[in-house]
């Protein structure tokens, strides 16, 4: 029968090896960073301007009425440890006494896989923007509704769906909210001829014999949770207009100063605050590895020492 000390040494060796395996392989089994969670429940950004100005597509009449802009993100399969598929719906609608079809200003749906850490698209998005029209493939340059995890005080090239290209979003402010760090990035959009970016029936209009072009301009403020890269608030000041080829402004297309409600902002912030940066898990894995090495050493020492004594 084996001595009790020999049995204890073997047990220590076994526990030590197990802890060492957990310490080494654990980070490979479980994510220890703040990549995009797959179970987000708050994924809708609703911006409202009660005093917006819009232009009717048919007739060209300009209306002063409230406008709601909504961006909604669904996380769809397939997903894995590093990637996820997202579907982002974007819509602008008037709060006016019109039929639903007339209240809708524009809508599009973007579907693409992204990197869960960087928020970058992995392949061009499949875009549906006109009812009954075929889908398009459009490159999504830069992050959009998901900034890089462990966001930095730098400039990110952030996607703009109107231009279908990236616009610099410059780090502007660090904000502390209940011990959680929020970064504000400012995205200035200089007047840009959208028709030069891509063809669409919405990008030009006729004024007599003259062709007018849609120009997109404004400013967007992104409020981003530093740890997770999740967007917790968006402010938009958009001035889109139709102008001549040289950029001379002729007619307003969309004047929109959109803000989110306090309740929506609070829900998004609460959700982002629940995302860990993985520092606790990393410490625990290191502790497990060190403890495993020590216990294994003690177990080996006890086992071989006992065996050496027995041989003598």
C-alpha atoms as a PDB file:
ATOM      1  CA  UNK A   1       0.000   0.000   0.000  1.00  0.00           C
ATOM      2  CA  UNK A   2       1.345   3.438  -0.915  1.00  0.00           C
ATOM      3  CA  UNK A   3       2.242   5.765   1.948  1.00  0.00           C
ATOM      4  CA  UNK A   4      -0.102   8.691   2.580  1.00  0.00           C
ATOM      5  CA  UNK A   5       2.605  11.221   1.723  1.00  0.00           C
ATOM      6  CA  UNK A   6       3.196   9.514  -1.623  1.00  0.00           C
ATOM      7  CA  UNK A   7      -0.534   9.636  -2.404  1.00  0.00           C
ATOM      8  CA  UNK A   8      -0.695  13.325  -1.472  1.00  0.00           C
ATOM      9  CA  UNK A   9       2.309  14.063  -3.665  1.00  0.00           C
ATOM     10  CA  UNK A  10       0.677  12.355  -6.639  1.00  0.00           C
ATOM     11  CA  UNK A  11      -2.560  14.265  -6.010  1.00  0.00           C
ATOM     12  CA  UNK A  12      -0.666  17.557  -5.844  1.00  0.00           C
ATOM     13  CA  UNK A  13       1.091  16.685  -9.074  1.00  0.00           C
ATOM     14  CA  UNK A  14      -2.243  15.931 -10.782  1.00  0.00           C
ATOM     15  CA  UNK A  15      -3.880  19.125  -9.547  1.00  0.00           C
ATOM     16  CA  UNK A  16      -0.822  21.123 -10.557  1.00  0.00           C
ATOM     17  CA  UNK A  17      -0.814  19.721 -14.072  1.00  0.00           C
ATOM     18  CA  UNK A  18      -4.558  20.420 -14.401  1.00  0.00           C
ATOM     19  CA  UNK A  19      -4.136  24.028 -13.264  1.00  0.00           C
ATOM     20  CA  UNK A  20      -1.200  24.457 -15.614  1.00  0.00           C
ATOM     21  CA  UNK A  21      -3.271  23.209 -18.542  1.00  0.00           C
ATOM     22  CA  UNK A  22      -6.072  25.631 -17.625  1.00  0.00           C
ATOM     23  CA  UNK A  23      -3.599  28.502 -17.338  1.00  0.00           C
ATOM     24  CA  UNK A  24      -2.048  27.767 -20.727  1.00  0.00           C
ATOM     25  CA  UNK A  25      -5.073  26.723 -22.768  1.00  0.00           C
ATOM     26  CA  UNK A  26      -7.786  28.721 -20.995  1.00  0.00           C
ATOM     27  CA  UNK A  27      -7.190  31.936 -22.974  1.00  0.00           C
ATOM     28  CA  UNK A  28      -7.600  29.895 -26.160  1.00  0.00           C
ATOM     29  CA  UNK A  29     -10.906  28.423 -25.015  1.00  0.00           C
ATOM     30  CA  UNK A  30     -12.479  31.589 -23.605  1.00  0.00           C
ATOM     31  CA  UNK A  31     -12.216  35.122 -25.032  1.00  0.00           C
ATOM     32  CA  UNK A  32     -10.338  37.434 -22.693  1.00  0.00           C
ATOM     33  CA  UNK A  33     -11.019  40.687 -24.526  1.00  0.00           C
ATOM     34  CA  UNK A  34     -13.986  42.968 -25.189  1.00  0.00           C
ATOM     35  CA  UNK A  35     -14.903  41.756 -28.664  1.00  0.00           C
ATOM     36  CA  UNK A  36     -18.450  42.318 -29.987  1.00  0.00           C
ATOM     37  CA  UNK A  37     -20.895  40.314 -27.818  1.00  0.00           C
ATOM     38  CA  UNK A  38     -23.260  38.071 -29.745  1.00  0.00           C
ATOM     39  CA  UNK A  39     -26.194  38.540 -27.355  1.00  0.00           C
ATOM     40  CA  UNK A  40     -26.719  42.308 -27.525  1.00  0.00           C
ATOM     41  CA  UNK A  41     -30.316  43.375 -26.881  1.00  0.00           C
ATOM     42  CA  UNK A  42     -29.963  47.145 -27.355  1.00  0.00           C
ATOM     43  CA  UNK A  43     -29.028  47.555 -31.016  1.00  0.00           C
ATOM     44  CA  UNK A  44     -31.301  50.364 -32.217  1.00  0.00           C
ATOM     45  CA  UNK A  45     -30.193  53.985 -32.548  1.00  0.00           C
ATOM     46  CA  UNK A  46     -33.151  56.347 -32.949  1.00  0.00           C
ATOM     47  CA  UNK A  47     -32.376  60.001 -33.667  1.00  0.00           C
ATOM     48  CA  UNK A  48     -35.129  62.589 -33.834  1.00  0.00           C
ATOM     49  CA  UNK A  49     -35.393  66.188 -35.007  1.00  0.00           C
ATOM     50  CA  UNK A  50     -38.779  67.841 -34.492  1.00  0.00           C
ATOM     51  CA  UNK A  51     -37.868  70.743 -36.765  1.00  0.00           C
ATOM     52  CA  UNK A  52     -36.230  69.034 -39.720  1.00  0.00           C
ATOM     53  CA  UNK A  53     -36.568  70.095 -43.341  1.00  0.00           C
ATOM     54  CA  UNK A  54     -36.956  67.612 -46.183  1.00  0.00           C
ATOM     55  CA  UNK A  55     -37.595  67.696 -49.903  1.00  0.00           C
ATOM     56  CA  UNK A  56     -40.283  65.579 -51.527  1.00  0.00           C
ATOM     57  CA  UNK A  57     -38.909  63.358 -54.264  1.00  0.00           C
ATOM     58  CA  UNK A  58     -42.017  63.871 -56.374  1.00  0.00           C
ATOM     59  CA  UNK A  59     -42.568  67.551 -57.070  1.00  0.00           C
ATOM     60  CA  UNK A  60     -39.612  68.888 -55.133  1.00  0.00           C
ATOM     61  CA  UNK A  61     -41.682  70.628 -52.448  1.00  0.00           C
ATOM     62  CA  UNK A  62     -39.801  71.302 -49.204  1.00  0.00           C
ATOM     63  CA  UNK A  63     -41.539  70.303 -45.952  1.00  0.00           C
ATOM     64  CA  UNK A  64     -40.830  71.472 -42.418  1.00  0.00           C
ATOM     65  CA  UNK A  65     -41.712  68.463 -40.271  1.00  0.00           C
ATOM     66  CA  UNK A  66     -40.211  66.165 -37.689  1.00  0.00           C
ATOM     67  CA  UNK A  67     -37.879  63.452 -38.984  1.00  0.00           C
ATOM     68  CA  UNK A  68     -36.818  60.209 -37.324  1.00  0.00           C
ATOM     69  CA  UNK A  69     -33.613  58.494 -38.382  1.00  0.00           C
ATOM     70  CA  UNK A  70     -33.210  54.916 -37.226  1.00  0.00           C
ATOM     71  CA  UNK A  71     -30.246  52.592 -37.430  1.00  0.00           C
ATOM     72  CA  UNK A  72     -30.902  49.039 -36.291  1.00  0.00           C
ATOM     73  CA  UNK A  73     -28.282  46.290 -36.106  1.00  0.00           C
ATOM     74  CA  UNK A  74     -29.036  42.560 -35.948  1.00  0.00           C
ATOM     75  CA  UNK A  75     -26.340  39.973 -35.291  1.00  0.00           C
ATOM     76  CA  UNK A  76     -26.957  36.933 -37.469  1.00  0.00           C
ATOM     77  CA  UNK A  77     -25.348  33.550 -38.071  1.00  0.00           C
ATOM     78  CA  UNK A  78     -22.814  32.523 -39.063  1.00  0.00           C
ATOM     79  CA  UNK A  79     -20.691  33.657 -36.133  1.00  0.00           C
ATOM     80  CA  UNK A  80     -17.532  32.352 -34.526  1.00  0.00           C
ATOM     81  CA  UNK A  81     -14.944  33.489 -32.001  1.00  0.00           C
ATOM     82  CA  UNK A  82     -13.552  36.148 -34.321  1.00  0.00           C
ATOM     83  CA  UNK A  83     -16.336  37.123 -36.728  1.00  0.00           C
ATOM     84  CA  UNK A  84     -20.046  37.882 -36.792  1.00  0.00           C
ATOM     85  CA  UNK A  85     -22.538  38.697 -39.509  1.00  0.00           C
ATOM     86  CA  UNK A  86     -24.461  41.937 -39.033  1.00  0.00           C
ATOM     87  CA  UNK A  87     -27.501  43.345 -40.762  1.00  0.00           C
ATOM     88  CA  UNK A  88     -27.883  47.109 -40.407  1.00  0.00           C
ATOM     89  CA  UNK A  89     -31.083  48.819 -41.422  1.00  0.00           C
ATOM     90  CA  UNK A  90     -31.058  52.581 -42.012  1.00  0.00           C
ATOM     91  CA  UNK A  91     -34.222  54.625 -42.507  1.00  0.00           C
ATOM     92  CA  UNK A  92     -35.378  58.248 -42.492  1.00  0.00           C
ATOM     93  CA  UNK A  93     -39.081  59.018 -42.141  1.00  0.00           C
ATOM     94  CA  UNK A  94     -41.178  62.129 -41.647  1.00  0.00           C
ATOM     95  CA  UNK A  95     -43.560  62.626 -38.753  1.00  0.00           C
ATOM     96  CA  UNK A  96     -46.199  64.197 -40.957  1.00  0.00           C
ATOM     97  CA  UNK A  97     -49.803  63.537 -41.958  1.00  0.00           C
ATOM     98  CA  UNK A  98     -49.012  61.555 -45.056  1.00  0.00           C
ATOM     99  CA  UNK A  99     -49.393  58.004 -46.201  1.00  0.00           C
ATOM    100  CA  UNK A 100     -46.641  55.718 -44.920  1.00  0.00           C
ATOM    101  CA  UNK A 101     -45.114  55.431 -48.381  1.00  0.00           C
ATOM    102  CA  UNK A 102     -44.845  59.231 -48.615  1.00  0.00           C
ATOM    103  CA  UNK A 103     -43.489  59.645 -45.085  1.00  0.00           C
ATOM    104  CA  UNK A 104     -40.549  57.367 -45.825  1.00  0.00           C
ATOM    105  CA  UNK A 105     -37.626  59.416 -47.132  1.00  0.00           C
ATOM    106  CA  UNK A 106     -35.106  56.649 -47.674  1.00  0.00           C
ATOM    107  CA  UNK A 107     -34.281  53.158 -46.421  1.00  0.00           C
ATOM    108  CA  UNK A 108     -31.491  50.664 -46.963  1.00  0.00           C
ATOM    109  CA  UNK A 109     -30.326  47.369 -45.484  1.00  0.00           C
ATOM    110  CA  UNK A 110     -26.655  46.400 -45.244  1.00  0.00           C
ATOM    111  CA  UNK A 111     -25.533  42.828 -44.540  1.00  0.00           C
ATOM    112  CA  UNK A 112     -21.900  41.808 -44.097  1.00  0.00           C
ATOM    113  CA  UNK A 113     -19.501  39.860 -41.848  1.00  0.00           C
ATOM    114  CA  UNK A 114     -17.217  41.858 -39.586  1.00  0.00           C
ATOM    115  CA  UNK A 115     -14.293  41.323 -37.269  1.00  0.00           C
ATOM    116  CA  UNK A 116     -15.614  41.282 -33.708  1.00  0.00           C
ATOM    117  CA  UNK A 117     -12.582  43.154 -32.370  1.00  0.00           C
ATOM    118  CA  UNK A 118     -12.000  45.864 -34.968  1.00  0.00           C
ATOM    119  CA  UNK A 119     -15.540  46.255 -36.315  1.00  0.00           C
ATOM    120  CA  UNK A 120     -14.091  46.180 -39.841  1.00  0.00           C
ATOM    121  CA  UNK A 121     -16.066  44.535 -42.646  1.00  0.00           C
ATOM    122  CA  UNK A 122     -14.431  41.394 -44.021  1.00  0.00           C
ATOM    123  CA  UNK A 123     -16.102  41.429 -47.441  1.00  0.00           C
ATOM    124  CA  UNK A 124     -18.303  43.924 -49.326  1.00  0.00           C
ATOM    125  CA  UNK A 125     -21.816  44.327 -47.943  1.00  0.00           C
ATOM    126  CA  UNK A 126     -24.954  43.175 -49.705  1.00  0.00           C
ATOM    127  CA  UNK A 127     -27.121  46.296 -49.922  1.00  0.00           C
ATOM    128  CA  UNK A 128     -30.815  46.619 -50.657  1.00  0.00           C
ATOM    129  CA  UNK A 129     -31.945  50.223 -51.051  1.00  0.00           C
ATOM    130  CA  UNK A 130     -34.872  50.297 -53.488  1.00  0.00           C
ATOM    131  CA  UNK A 131     -37.975  48.133 -53.302  1.00  0.00           C
ATOM    132  CA  UNK A 132     -38.034  45.698 -56.193  1.00  0.00           C
ATOM    133  CA  UNK A 133     -34.512  46.555 -57.320  1.00  0.00           C
ATOM    134  CA  UNK A 134     -31.625  44.072 -57.299  1.00  0.00           C
ATOM    135  CA  UNK A 135     -29.171  44.124 -54.416  1.00  0.00           C
ATOM    136  CA  UNK A 136     -25.725  45.663 -54.736  1.00  0.00           C
ATOM    137  CA  UNK A 137     -22.276  44.822 -53.436  1.00  0.00           C
ATOM    138  CA  UNK A 138     -20.760  47.812 -51.639  1.00  0.00           C
ATOM    139  CA  UNK A 139     -17.459  47.992 -49.774  1.00  0.00           C
ATOM    140  CA  UNK A 140     -17.845  49.111 -46.164  1.00  0.00           C
ATOM    141  CA  UNK A 141     -14.611  50.959 -45.456  1.00  0.00           C
ATOM    142  CA  UNK A 142     -13.827  51.315 -41.759  1.00  0.00           C
ATOM    143  CA  UNK A 143     -15.945  50.578 -38.687  1.00  0.00           C
ATOM    144  CA  UNK A 144     -19.523  51.799 -38.459  1.00  0.00           C
ATOM    145  CA  UNK A 145     -21.695  50.994 -35.434  1.00  0.00           C
ATOM    146  CA  UNK A 146     -18.878  49.045 -33.752  1.00  0.00           C
ATOM    147  CA  UNK A 147     -15.576  50.829 -33.141  1.00  0.00           C
ATOM    148  CA  UNK A 148     -12.409  48.856 -32.318  1.00  0.00           C
ATOM    149  CA  UNK A 149     -12.329  47.292 -28.863  1.00  0.00           C
ATOM    150  CA  UNK A 150      -9.865  49.058 -26.569  1.00  0.00           C
ATOM    151  CA  UNK A 151     -10.560  52.252 -28.517  1.00  0.00           C
ATOM    152  CA  UNK A 152      -7.678  54.704 -28.717  1.00  0.00           C
ATOM    153  CA  UNK A 153      -7.368  58.489 -28.625  1.00  0.00           C
ATOM    154  CA  UNK A 154      -6.780  58.676 -32.342  1.00  0.00           C
ATOM    155  CA  UNK A 155      -8.563  59.211 -35.649  1.00  0.00           C
ATOM    156  CA  UNK A 156     -10.649  56.391 -37.114  1.00  0.00           C
ATOM    157  CA  UNK A 157     -11.937  56.207 -40.665  1.00  0.00           C
ATOM    158  CA  UNK A 158     -15.654  55.616 -39.985  1.00  0.00           C
ATOM    159  CA  UNK A 159     -18.155  54.559 -42.630  1.00  0.00           C
ATOM    160  CA  UNK A 160     -20.804  56.991 -43.890  1.00  0.00           C
ATOM    161  CA  UNK A 161     -23.725  55.220 -45.630  1.00  0.00           C
ATOM    162  CA  UNK A 162     -24.788  58.253 -47.670  1.00  0.00           C
ATOM    163  CA  UNK A 163     -21.367  58.635 -49.277  1.00  0.00           C
ATOM    164  CA  UNK A 164     -20.632  54.892 -49.123  1.00  0.00           C
ATOM    165  CA  UNK A 165     -17.120  55.734 -48.035  1.00  0.00           C
ATOM    166  CA  UNK A 166     -15.169  56.411 -44.850  1.00  0.00           C
ATOM    167  CA  UNK A 167     -14.834  59.847 -43.248  1.00  0.00           C
ATOM    168  CA  UNK A 168     -12.258  60.614 -40.511  1.00  0.00           C
ATOM    169  CA  UNK A 169     -13.692  60.618 -36.987  1.00  0.00           C
ATOM    170  CA  UNK A 170     -11.247  62.552 -34.809  1.00  0.00           C
ATOM    171  CA  UNK A 171     -10.858  61.876 -31.089  1.00  0.00           C
ATOM    172  CA  UNK A 172     -12.212  64.961 -29.331  1.00  0.00           C
ATOM    173  CA  UNK A 173     -12.984  64.252 -25.684  1.00  0.00           C
ATOM    174  CA  UNK A 174     -12.651  61.734 -22.852  1.00  0.00           C
ATOM    175  CA  UNK A 175     -15.700  61.450 -20.593  1.00  0.00           C
ATOM    176  CA  UNK A 176     -16.036  59.581 -17.297  1.00  0.00           C
ATOM    177  CA  UNK A 177     -19.465  58.090 -16.647  1.00  0.00           C
ATOM    178  CA  UNK A 178     -19.654  56.270 -13.356  1.00  0.00           C
ATOM    179  CA  UNK A 179     -16.097  55.020 -13.672  1.00  0.00           C
ATOM    180  CA  UNK A 180     -16.533  53.931 -17.286  1.00  0.00           C
ATOM    181  CA  UNK A 181     -14.534  55.780 -19.947  1.00  0.00           C
ATOM    182  CA  UNK A 182     -16.386  57.142 -22.979  1.00  0.00           C
ATOM    183  CA  UNK A 183     -14.566  58.638 -25.959  1.00  0.00           C
ATOM    184  CA  UNK A 184     -16.166  61.226 -28.234  1.00  0.00           C
ATOM    185  CA  UNK A 185     -15.119  61.296 -31.874  1.00  0.00           C
ATOM    186  CA  UNK A 186     -16.064  64.158 -34.192  1.00  0.00           C
ATOM    187  CA  UNK A 187     -16.751  63.369 -37.852  1.00  0.00           C
ATOM    188  CA  UNK A 188     -16.845  66.437 -40.099  1.00  0.00           C
ATOM    189  CA  UNK A 189     -18.335  65.890 -43.552  1.00  0.00           C
ATOM    190  CA  UNK A 190     -17.384  68.497 -46.111  1.00  0.00           C
ATOM    191  CA  UNK A 191     -19.922  69.110 -48.921  1.00  0.00           C
ATOM    192  CA  UNK A 192     -19.461  66.161 -51.257  1.00  0.00           C
ATOM    193  CA  UNK A 193     -21.184  65.416 -54.564  1.00  0.00           C
ATOM    194  CA  UNK A 194     -22.845  62.059 -53.885  1.00  0.00           C
ATOM    195  CA  UNK A 195     -23.476  61.422 -57.589  1.00  0.00           C
ATOM    196  CA  UNK A 196     -19.717  61.286 -58.088  1.00  0.00           C
ATOM    197  CA  UNK A 197     -19.545  58.449 -55.561  1.00  0.00           C
ATOM    198  CA  UNK A 198     -22.171  56.156 -57.096  1.00  0.00           C
ATOM    199  CA  UNK A 199     -25.218  56.248 -59.365  1.00  0.00           C
ATOM    200  CA  UNK A 200     -28.717  56.454 -57.867  1.00  0.00           C
ATOM    201  CA  UNK A 201     -32.035  58.029 -58.805  1.00  0.00           C
ATOM    202  CA  UNK A 202     -31.865  59.915 -55.493  1.00  0.00           C
ATOM    203  CA  UNK A 203     -28.531  61.587 -56.248  1.00  0.00           C
ATOM    204  CA  UNK A 204     -29.718  63.909 -59.031  1.00  0.00           C
ATOM    205  CA  UNK A 205     -32.809  65.921 -59.917  1.00  0.00           C
ATOM    206  CA  UNK A 206     -33.894  68.152 -62.755  1.00  0.00           C
ATOM    207  CA  UNK A 207     -34.575  71.872 -62.396  1.00  0.00           C
ATOM    208  CA  UNK A 208     -35.830  72.942 -65.769  1.00  0.00           C
ATOM    209  CA  UNK A 209     -33.078  72.044 -68.183  1.00  0.00           C
ATOM    210  CA  UNK A 210     -30.428  71.916 -65.487  1.00  0.00           C
ATOM    211  CA  UNK A 211     -29.296  68.829 -63.606  1.00  0.00           C
ATOM    212  CA  UNK A 212     -28.811  69.331 -59.877  1.00  0.00           C
ATOM    213  CA  UNK A 213     -26.618  67.032 -57.797  1.00  0.00           C
ATOM    214  CA  UNK A 214     -27.069  65.854 -54.224  1.00  0.00           C
ATOM    215  CA  UNK A 215     -24.400  67.179 -51.858  1.00  0.00           C
ATOM    216  CA  UNK A 216     -23.914  65.544 -48.464  1.00  0.00           C
ATOM    217  CA  UNK A 217     -22.427  67.560 -45.601  1.00  0.00           C
ATOM    218  CA  UNK A 218     -22.592  67.987 -41.851  1.00  0.00           C
ATOM    219  CA  UNK A 219     -21.126  66.784 -38.589  1.00  0.00           C
ATOM    220  CA  UNK A 220     -21.565  63.606 -36.589  1.00  0.00           C
ATOM    221  CA  UNK A 221     -20.544  63.002 -32.971  1.00  0.00           C
ATOM    222  CA  UNK A 222     -19.836  59.406 -31.955  1.00  0.00           C
ATOM    223  CA  UNK A 223     -19.805  58.503 -28.256  1.00  0.00           C
ATOM    224  CA  UNK A 224     -17.954  55.208 -27.836  1.00  0.00           C
ATOM    225  CA  UNK A 225     -17.354  52.946 -24.851  1.00  0.00           C
ATOM    226  CA  UNK A 226     -13.559  52.742 -24.649  1.00  0.00           C
ATOM    227  CA  UNK A 227     -13.355  49.108 -23.529  1.00  0.00           C
ATOM    228  CA  UNK A 228     -15.839  47.471 -25.890  1.00  0.00           C
ATOM    229  CA  UNK A 229     -15.911  49.912 -28.802  1.00  0.00           C
ATOM    230  CA  UNK A 230     -19.709  49.877 -28.634  1.00  0.00           C
ATOM    231  CA  UNK A 231     -21.450  53.092 -29.663  1.00  0.00           C
ATOM    232  CA  UNK A 232     -23.539  54.489 -26.794  1.00  0.00           C
ATOM    233  CA  UNK A 233     -24.744  57.743 -28.374  1.00  0.00           C
ATOM    234  CA  UNK A 234     -24.809  59.509 -31.745  1.00  0.00           C
ATOM    235  CA  UNK A 235     -25.517  63.144 -32.593  1.00  0.00           C
ATOM    236  CA  UNK A 236     -26.019  64.251 -36.189  1.00  0.00           C
ATOM    237  CA  UNK A 237     -26.160  67.670 -37.808  1.00  0.00           C
ATOM    238  CA  UNK A 238     -26.771  66.952 -41.477  1.00  0.00           C
ATOM    239  CA  UNK A 239     -27.178  69.499 -44.274  1.00  0.00           C
ATOM    240  CA  UNK A 240     -27.835  67.773 -47.575  1.00  0.00           C
ATOM    241  CA  UNK A 241     -28.762  69.899 -50.567  1.00  0.00           C
ATOM    242  CA  UNK A 242     -29.041  69.875 -54.335  1.00  0.00           C
ATOM    243  CA  UNK A 243     -26.572  72.058 -56.162  1.00  0.00           C
ATOM    244  CA  UNK A 244     -24.872  72.750 -59.456  1.00  0.00           C
ATOM    245  CA  UNK A 245     -21.862  70.800 -60.657  1.00  0.00           C
ATOM    246  CA  UNK A 246     -19.635  73.496 -59.149  1.00  0.00           C
ATOM    247  CA  UNK A 247     -21.256  73.017 -55.714  1.00  0.00           C
ATOM    248  CA  UNK A 248     -23.468  76.114 -55.689  1.00  0.00           C
ATOM    249  CA  UNK A 249     -26.369  75.406 -53.334  1.00  0.00           C
ATOM    250  CA  UNK A 250     -29.815  75.536 -54.969  1.00  0.00           C
ATOM    251  CA  UNK A 251     -32.352  73.554 -52.899  1.00  0.00           C
ATOM    252  CA  UNK A 252     -32.419  71.940 -49.469  1.00  0.00           C
ATOM    253  CA  UNK A 253     -32.704  68.154 -49.492  1.00  0.00           C
ATOM    254  CA  UNK A 254     -32.387  67.242 -45.795  1.00  0.00           C
ATOM    255  CA  UNK A 255     -31.690  69.542 -42.859  1.00  0.00           C
ATOM    256  CA  UNK A 256     -31.524  67.287 -39.823  1.00  0.00           C
ATOM    257  CA  UNK A 257     -30.232  67.877 -36.285  1.00  0.00           C
ATOM    258  CA  UNK A 258     -30.865  64.489 -34.738  1.00  0.00           C
ATOM    259  CA  UNK A 259     -30.524  63.518 -31.090  1.00  0.00           C
ATOM    260  CA  UNK A 260     -31.245  60.319 -29.183  1.00  0.00           C
ATOM    261  CA  UNK A 261     -33.544  60.143 -26.164  1.00  0.00           C
ATOM    262  CA  UNK A 262     -32.054  59.967 -22.673  1.00  0.00           C
ATOM    263  CA  UNK A 263     -33.687  56.566 -22.096  1.00  0.00           C
ATOM    264  CA  UNK A 264     -32.122  55.092 -25.233  1.00  0.00           C
ATOM    265  CA  UNK A 265     -28.707  56.478 -24.364  1.00  0.00           C
ATOM    266  CA  UNK A 266     -28.936  55.093 -20.835  1.00  0.00           C
ATOM    267  CA  UNK A 267     -29.867  51.626 -22.123  1.00  0.00           C
ATOM    268  CA  UNK A 268     -26.953  51.563 -24.570  1.00  0.00           C
ATOM    269  CA  UNK A 269     -24.525  52.731 -21.891  1.00  0.00           C
ATOM    270  CA  UNK A 270     -25.744  50.131 -19.395  1.00  0.00           C
ATOM    271  CA  UNK A 271     -25.288  47.409 -21.995  1.00  0.00           C
ATOM    272  CA  UNK A 272     -21.753  48.520 -22.878  1.00  0.00           C
ATOM    273  CA  UNK A 273     -20.810  48.794 -19.203  1.00  0.00           C
ATOM    274  CA  UNK A 274     -21.515  45.092 -18.758  1.00  0.00           C
ATOM    275  CA  UNK A 275     -18.787  44.167 -21.266  1.00  0.00           C
ATOM    276  CA  UNK A 276     -15.521  43.265 -19.532  1.00  0.00           C
ATOM    277  CA  UNK A 277     -12.076  43.933 -20.918  1.00  0.00           C
ATOM    278  CA  UNK A 278     -11.045  40.432 -19.796  1.00  0.00           C
ATOM    279  CA  UNK A 279      -8.411  41.652 -17.330  1.00  0.00           C
ATOM    280  CA  UNK A 280      -9.856  39.623 -14.429  1.00  0.00           C
ATOM    281  CA  UNK A 281      -9.926  36.444 -16.511  1.00  0.00           C
ATOM    282  CA  UNK A 282      -6.342  36.994 -17.646  1.00  0.00           C
ATOM    283  CA  UNK A 283      -5.186  37.419 -14.034  1.00  0.00           C
ATOM    284  CA  UNK A 284      -7.005  34.242 -12.994  1.00  0.00           C
ATOM    285  CA  UNK A 285      -5.390  32.268 -15.810  1.00  0.00           C
ATOM    286  CA  UNK A 286      -1.952  33.548 -14.786  1.00  0.00           C
ATOM    287  CA  UNK A 287      -2.648  32.617 -11.165  1.00  0.00           C
ATOM    288  CA  UNK A 288      -3.762  29.154 -12.277  1.00  0.00           C
ATOM    289  CA  UNK A 289      -0.571  28.714 -14.306  1.00  0.00           C
ATOM    290  CA  UNK A 290       1.719  29.810 -11.461  1.00  0.00           C
ATOM    291  CA  UNK A 291      -0.178  27.714  -8.913  1.00  0.00           C
ATOM    292  CA  UNK A 292      -0.049  24.750 -11.277  1.00  0.00           C
ATOM    293  CA  UNK A 293       3.721  25.028 -11.664  1.00  0.00           C
ATOM    294  CA  UNK A 294       4.245  25.315  -7.897  1.00  0.00           C
ATOM    295  CA  UNK A 295       1.946  22.415  -7.029  1.00  0.00           C
ATOM    296  CA  UNK A 296       3.495  20.253  -9.739  1.00  0.00           C
ATOM    297  CA  UNK A 297       6.964  21.021  -8.389  1.00  0.00           C
ATOM    298  CA  UNK A 298       5.920  20.174  -4.824  1.00  0.00           C
ATOM    299  CA  UNK A 299       4.212  16.997  -6.002  1.00  0.00           C
ATOM    300  CA  UNK A 300       7.229  15.872  -8.013  1.00  0.00           C
ATOM    301  CA  UNK A 301       9.584  16.688  -5.166  1.00  0.00           C
ATOM    302  CA  UNK A 302       7.480  14.738  -2.696  1.00  0.00           C
ATOM    303  CA  UNK A 303       7.013  11.751  -4.971  1.00  0.00           C
ATOM    304  CA  UNK A 304      10.677  11.369  -5.955  1.00  0.00           C
ATOM    305  CA  UNK A 305      11.939  12.145  -2.473  1.00  0.00           C
ATOM    306  CA  UNK A 306       9.764   9.434  -1.000  1.00  0.00           C
ATOM    307  CA  UNK A 307      10.866   7.028  -3.705  1.00  0.00           C
ATOM    308  CA  UNK A 308      14.529   7.855  -3.012  1.00  0.00           C
ATOM    309  CA  UNK A 309      14.074   7.214   0.715  1.00  0.00           C
ATOM    310  CA  UNK A 310      12.369   3.892  -0.006  1.00  0.00           C
ATOM    311  CA  UNK A 311      15.248   2.750  -2.263  1.00  0.00           C
ATOM    312  CA  UNK A 312      17.781   3.407   0.466  1.00  0.00           C
END
